[in-house]
Amino acid sequence: MKKNPRFMVGLVGVAAVVTYLIWTGVSETMVYYVTPVELIEKVEADPTFHDVGVKVGGMVIRGSYRRVEGELLHVFTVRDLVEESATFVVEFRDALPDTFTDDIEVVLEGRLREDGVFEATTLLTKCGSRYEAAPEDLAGAPPHPTNAP
């Protein structure tokens, strides 16, 4: 039985198209952001970086949140996840996500103004732990069937 060369060429073509679609889909959905330390370093190295929009990830400092009366303005301080001394004040003029609380990890999109305040246009909260079982709940749980002796 002879192999059909057109079939093989078609199969390779379909595989190439599927690979291309997967590659572009994954690269378009990735979210890259800088840390507060990286943002501060970039601004110090190039002051024109104040005019560039960026995404920054960090942790909201407990007790720093306040709402400005009479307007839709939220102000809070964000710190770096590793270098806790790297902080900046954030101003956000929109409704907060329901999952926003003190001491939560956030991703902000906006720009760092020259006065050192980050003016956020988008605020996303990272709330993976909200849907994970607490360690004390797992301690009393029966062993998983695949881990049972």
C-alpha atoms as a PDB file:
ATOM      1  CA  MET A   1       0.000   0.000   0.000  1.00  0.00           C
ATOM      2  CA  LYS A   2       1.501   3.326  -1.120  1.00  0.00           C
ATOM      3  CA  LYS A   3       1.270   6.421   1.062  1.00  0.00           C
ATOM      4  CA  ASN A   4      -0.570   9.315  -0.519  1.00  0.00           C
ATOM      5  CA  PRO A   5       1.838  12.311  -0.678  1.00  0.00           C
ATOM      6  CA  ARG A   6      -1.040  14.829  -0.840  1.00  0.00           C
ATOM      7  CA  PHE A   7      -2.476  13.431   2.373  1.00  0.00           C
ATOM      8  CA  MET A   8       0.876  13.821   4.151  1.00  0.00           C
ATOM      9  CA  VAL A   9       1.299  17.404   2.901  1.00  0.00           C
ATOM     10  CA  GLY A  10      -2.231  18.223   4.060  1.00  0.00           C
ATOM     11  CA  LEU A  11      -1.596  16.640   7.456  1.00  0.00           C
ATOM     12  CA  VAL A  12       1.599  18.658   7.907  1.00  0.00           C
ATOM     13  CA  GLY A  13      -0.253  21.832   6.844  1.00  0.00           C
ATOM     14  CA  VAL A  14      -3.067  21.243   9.362  1.00  0.00           C
ATOM     15  CA  ALA A  15      -0.528  20.535  12.117  1.00  0.00           C
ATOM     16  CA  ALA A  16       1.322  23.778  11.283  1.00  0.00           C
ATOM     17  CA  VAL A  17      -1.901  25.832  11.402  1.00  0.00           C
ATOM     18  CA  VAL A  18      -2.958  24.291  14.729  1.00  0.00           C
ATOM     19  CA  THR A  19       0.506  24.926  16.194  1.00  0.00           C
ATOM     20  CA  TYR A  20       0.399  28.551  15.014  1.00  0.00           C
ATOM     21  CA  LEU A  21      -3.060  29.113  16.535  1.00  0.00           C
ATOM     22  CA  ILE A  22      -2.006  27.630  19.868  1.00  0.00           C
ATOM     23  CA  TRP A  23       1.193  29.700  19.946  1.00  0.00           C
ATOM     24  CA  THR A  24      -0.531  33.001  19.157  1.00  0.00           C
ATOM     25  CA  GLY A  25      -3.409  32.268  21.537  1.00  0.00           C
ATOM     26  CA  VAL A  26      -1.074  31.591  24.452  1.00  0.00           C
ATOM     27  CA  SER A  27       1.156  34.594  23.786  1.00  0.00           C
ATOM     28  CA  GLU A  28      -1.836  36.970  23.502  1.00  0.00           C
ATOM     29  CA  THR A  29      -3.366  35.857  26.802  1.00  0.00           C
ATOM     30  CA  MET A  30      -0.186  36.156  28.874  1.00  0.00           C
ATOM     31  CA  VAL A  31      -0.125  39.105  31.241  1.00  0.00           C
ATOM     32  CA  TYR A  32       3.296  40.583  31.885  1.00  0.00           C
ATOM     33  CA  TYR A  33       3.779  43.048  34.686  1.00  0.00           C
ATOM     34  CA  VAL A  34       6.671  44.589  36.559  1.00  0.00           C
ATOM     35  CA  THR A  35       7.228  44.637  40.289  1.00  0.00           C
ATOM     36  CA  PRO A  36       7.354  47.896  42.263  1.00  0.00           C
ATOM     37  CA  VAL A  37      11.145  47.506  42.556  1.00  0.00           C
ATOM     38  CA  GLU A  38      11.485  47.153  38.762  1.00  0.00           C
ATOM     39  CA  LEU A  39       9.175  50.121  38.169  1.00  0.00           C
ATOM     40  CA  ILE A  40      11.151  52.365  40.525  1.00  0.00           C
ATOM     41  CA  GLU A  41      14.445  51.275  38.897  1.00  0.00           C
ATOM     42  CA  LYS A  42      13.101  51.993  35.396  1.00  0.00           C
ATOM     43  CA  VAL A  43      11.891  55.457  36.401  1.00  0.00           C
ATOM     44  CA  GLU A  44      15.231  56.289  38.052  1.00  0.00           C
ATOM     45  CA  ALA A  45      17.130  55.120  34.952  1.00  0.00           C
ATOM     46  CA  ASP A  46      14.839  56.926  32.507  1.00  0.00           C
ATOM     47  CA  PRO A  47      12.631  59.784  33.806  1.00  0.00           C
ATOM     48  CA  THR A  48      10.564  59.714  30.598  1.00  0.00           C
ATOM     49  CA  PHE A  49       9.197  56.376  31.844  1.00  0.00           C
ATOM     50  CA  HIS A  50       6.627  58.458  33.797  1.00  0.00           C
ATOM     51  CA  ASP A  51       4.753  58.908  30.517  1.00  0.00           C
ATOM     52  CA  VAL A  52       4.595  55.178  29.731  1.00  0.00           C
ATOM     53  CA  GLY A  53       1.650  53.020  30.740  1.00  0.00           C
ATOM     54  CA  VAL A  54       2.658  49.862  32.630  1.00  0.00           C
ATOM     55  CA  LYS A  55       1.229  46.923  34.538  1.00  0.00           C
ATOM     56  CA  VAL A  56       2.508  46.536  38.086  1.00  0.00           C
ATOM     57  CA  GLY A  57       1.898  43.710  40.536  1.00  0.00           C
ATOM     58  CA  GLY A  58       2.167  44.089  44.291  1.00  0.00           C
ATOM     59  CA  MET A  59       0.516  43.707  47.684  1.00  0.00           C
ATOM     60  CA  VAL A  60      -1.882  46.235  49.240  1.00  0.00           C
ATOM     61  CA  ILE A  61      -0.509  47.329  52.611  1.00  0.00           C
ATOM     62  CA  ARG A  62      -2.937  46.555  55.431  1.00  0.00           C
ATOM     63  CA  GLY A  63      -4.608  49.702  56.785  1.00  0.00           C
ATOM     64  CA  SER A  64      -3.517  51.956  53.904  1.00  0.00           C
ATOM     65  CA  TYR A  65      -6.860  52.027  52.059  1.00  0.00           C
ATOM     66  CA  ARG A  66      -9.070  55.101  52.238  1.00  0.00           C
ATOM     67  CA  ARG A  67     -11.874  56.462  50.088  1.00  0.00           C
ATOM     68  CA  VAL A  68     -11.997  60.179  49.322  1.00  0.00           C
ATOM     69  CA  GLU A  69     -15.394  61.529  50.364  1.00  0.00           C
ATOM     70  CA  GLY A  70     -17.526  63.153  47.694  1.00  0.00           C
ATOM     71  CA  GLU A  71     -15.866  61.502  44.708  1.00  0.00           C
ATOM     72  CA  LEU A  72     -15.107  58.074  43.325  1.00  0.00           C
ATOM     73  CA  LEU A  73     -11.448  58.016  44.356  1.00  0.00           C
ATOM     74  CA  HIS A  74      -9.749  55.152  46.174  1.00  0.00           C
ATOM     75  CA  VAL A  75      -6.273  55.666  47.630  1.00  0.00           C
ATOM     76  CA  PHE A  76      -4.050  52.922  49.015  1.00  0.00           C
ATOM     77  CA  THR A  77      -0.397  51.914  49.193  1.00  0.00           C
ATOM     78  CA  VAL A  78       1.148  48.960  47.365  1.00  0.00           C
ATOM     79  CA  ARG A  79       4.398  47.225  48.300  1.00  0.00           C
ATOM     80  CA  ASP A  80       6.672  44.812  46.491  1.00  0.00           C
ATOM     81  CA  LEU A  81       6.096  41.128  47.314  1.00  0.00           C
ATOM     82  CA  VAL A  82       9.782  40.512  48.064  1.00  0.00           C
ATOM     83  CA  GLU A  83      11.337  43.899  48.896  1.00  0.00           C
ATOM     84  CA  GLU A  84       8.762  45.296  51.336  1.00  0.00           C
ATOM     85  CA  SER A  85      10.453  48.697  51.493  1.00  0.00           C
ATOM     86  CA  ALA A  86       9.590  49.396  47.836  1.00  0.00           C
ATOM     87  CA  THR A  87       6.178  51.073  48.020  1.00  0.00           C
ATOM     88  CA  PHE A  88       4.077  53.648  46.215  1.00  0.00           C
ATOM     89  CA  VAL A  89       0.682  55.278  46.669  1.00  0.00           C
ATOM     90  CA  VAL A  90      -2.067  54.307  44.216  1.00  0.00           C
ATOM     91  CA  GLU A  91      -5.041  56.403  43.119  1.00  0.00           C
ATOM     92  CA  PHE A  92      -7.878  54.512  41.434  1.00  0.00           C
ATOM     93  CA  ARG A  93     -10.969  56.336  40.096  1.00  0.00           C
ATOM     94  CA  ASP A  94     -13.440  53.541  39.458  1.00  0.00           C
ATOM     95  CA  ALA A  95     -15.456  50.917  41.298  1.00  0.00           C
ATOM     96  CA  LEU A  96     -13.321  48.442  43.212  1.00  0.00           C
ATOM     97  CA  PRO A  97     -13.624  44.709  42.502  1.00  0.00           C
ATOM     98  CA  ASP A  98     -15.693  42.790  45.066  1.00  0.00           C
ATOM     99  CA  THR A  99     -12.604  40.817  46.084  1.00  0.00           C
ATOM    100  CA  PHE A 100     -10.563  43.926  46.975  1.00  0.00           C
ATOM    101  CA  THR A 101      -9.453  43.969  50.625  1.00  0.00           C
ATOM    102  CA  ASP A 102      -6.456  45.041  52.659  1.00  0.00           C
ATOM    103  CA  ASP A 103      -3.457  42.761  52.326  1.00  0.00           C
ATOM    104  CA  ILE A 104      -4.397  41.346  48.902  1.00  0.00           C
ATOM    105  CA  GLU A 105      -2.231  40.906  45.838  1.00  0.00           C
ATOM    106  CA  VAL A 106      -3.200  43.229  42.972  1.00  0.00           C
ATOM    107  CA  VAL A 107      -2.211  43.926  39.377  1.00  0.00           C
ATOM    108  CA  LEU A 108      -2.550  47.575  38.370  1.00  0.00           C
ATOM    109  CA  GLU A 109      -2.473  49.140  34.945  1.00  0.00           C
ATOM    110  CA  GLY A 110      -1.674  52.828  34.624  1.00  0.00           C
ATOM    111  CA  ARG A 111       1.290  55.156  34.971  1.00  0.00           C
ATOM    112  CA  LEU A 112       3.573  56.409  37.715  1.00  0.00           C
ATOM    113  CA  ARG A 113       3.218  60.184  37.876  1.00  0.00           C
ATOM    114  CA  GLU A 114       6.172  62.433  38.555  1.00  0.00           C
ATOM    115  CA  ASP A 115       4.919  63.057  42.109  1.00  0.00           C
ATOM    116  CA  GLY A 116       5.429  59.310  42.843  1.00  0.00           C
ATOM    117  CA  VAL A 117       1.718  58.400  42.830  1.00  0.00           C
ATOM    118  CA  PHE A 118       0.619  55.533  40.584  1.00  0.00           C
ATOM    119  CA  GLU A 119      -2.521  56.555  38.709  1.00  0.00           C
ATOM    120  CA  ALA A 120      -4.302  53.246  38.029  1.00  0.00           C
ATOM    121  CA  THR A 121      -6.820  52.880  35.238  1.00  0.00           C
ATOM    122  CA  THR A 122      -7.375  49.146  35.798  1.00  0.00           C
ATOM    123  CA  LEU A 123      -7.224  47.158  39.029  1.00  0.00           C
ATOM    124  CA  LEU A 124      -7.292  43.371  39.187  1.00  0.00           C
ATOM    125  CA  THR A 125      -7.179  41.349  42.389  1.00  0.00           C
ATOM    126  CA  LYS A 126      -5.468  37.996  42.639  1.00  0.00           C
ATOM    127  CA  CYS A 127      -7.644  35.858  44.849  1.00  0.00           C
ATOM    128  CA  GLY A 128      -6.529  32.261  44.338  1.00  0.00           C
ATOM    129  CA  SER A 129      -6.399  31.562  48.077  1.00  0.00           C
ATOM    130  CA  ARG A 130     -10.062  32.476  48.373  1.00  0.00           C
ATOM    131  CA  TYR A 131     -10.975  29.269  46.573  1.00  0.00           C
ATOM    132  CA  GLU A 132      -8.349  26.971  48.073  1.00  0.00           C
ATOM    133  CA  ALA A 133      -8.900  24.834  51.139  1.00  0.00           C
ATOM    134  CA  ALA A 134      -7.369  26.182  54.320  1.00  0.00           C
ATOM    135  CA  PRO A 135      -4.488  24.070  55.759  1.00  0.00           C
ATOM    136  CA  GLU A 136      -6.534  23.285  58.878  1.00  0.00           C
ATOM    137  CA  ASP A 137      -9.345  21.942  56.673  1.00  0.00           C
ATOM    138  CA  LEU A 138      -6.910  19.704  54.832  1.00  0.00           C
ATOM    139  CA  ALA A 139      -5.417  18.334  58.070  1.00  0.00           C
ATOM    140  CA  GLY A 140      -8.654  16.541  58.994  1.00  0.00           C
ATOM    141  CA  ALA A 141      -9.514  15.454  55.460  1.00  0.00           C
ATOM    142  CA  PRO A 142      -9.387  11.746  54.606  1.00  0.00           C
ATOM    143  CA  PRO A 143      -6.503  10.709  52.324  1.00  0.00           C
ATOM    144  CA  HIS A 144      -7.063  10.999  48.604  1.00  0.00           C
ATOM    145  CA  PRO A 145      -7.800   7.572  47.041  1.00  0.00           C
ATOM    146  CA  THR A 146      -4.622   7.703  44.946  1.00  0.00           C
ATOM    147  CA  ASN A 147      -2.540   8.447  48.062  1.00  0.00           C
ATOM    148  CA  ALA A 148      -4.153   5.851  50.322  1.00  0.00           C
ATOM    149  CA  PRO A 149      -1.821   3.127  51.649  1.00  0.00           C
END
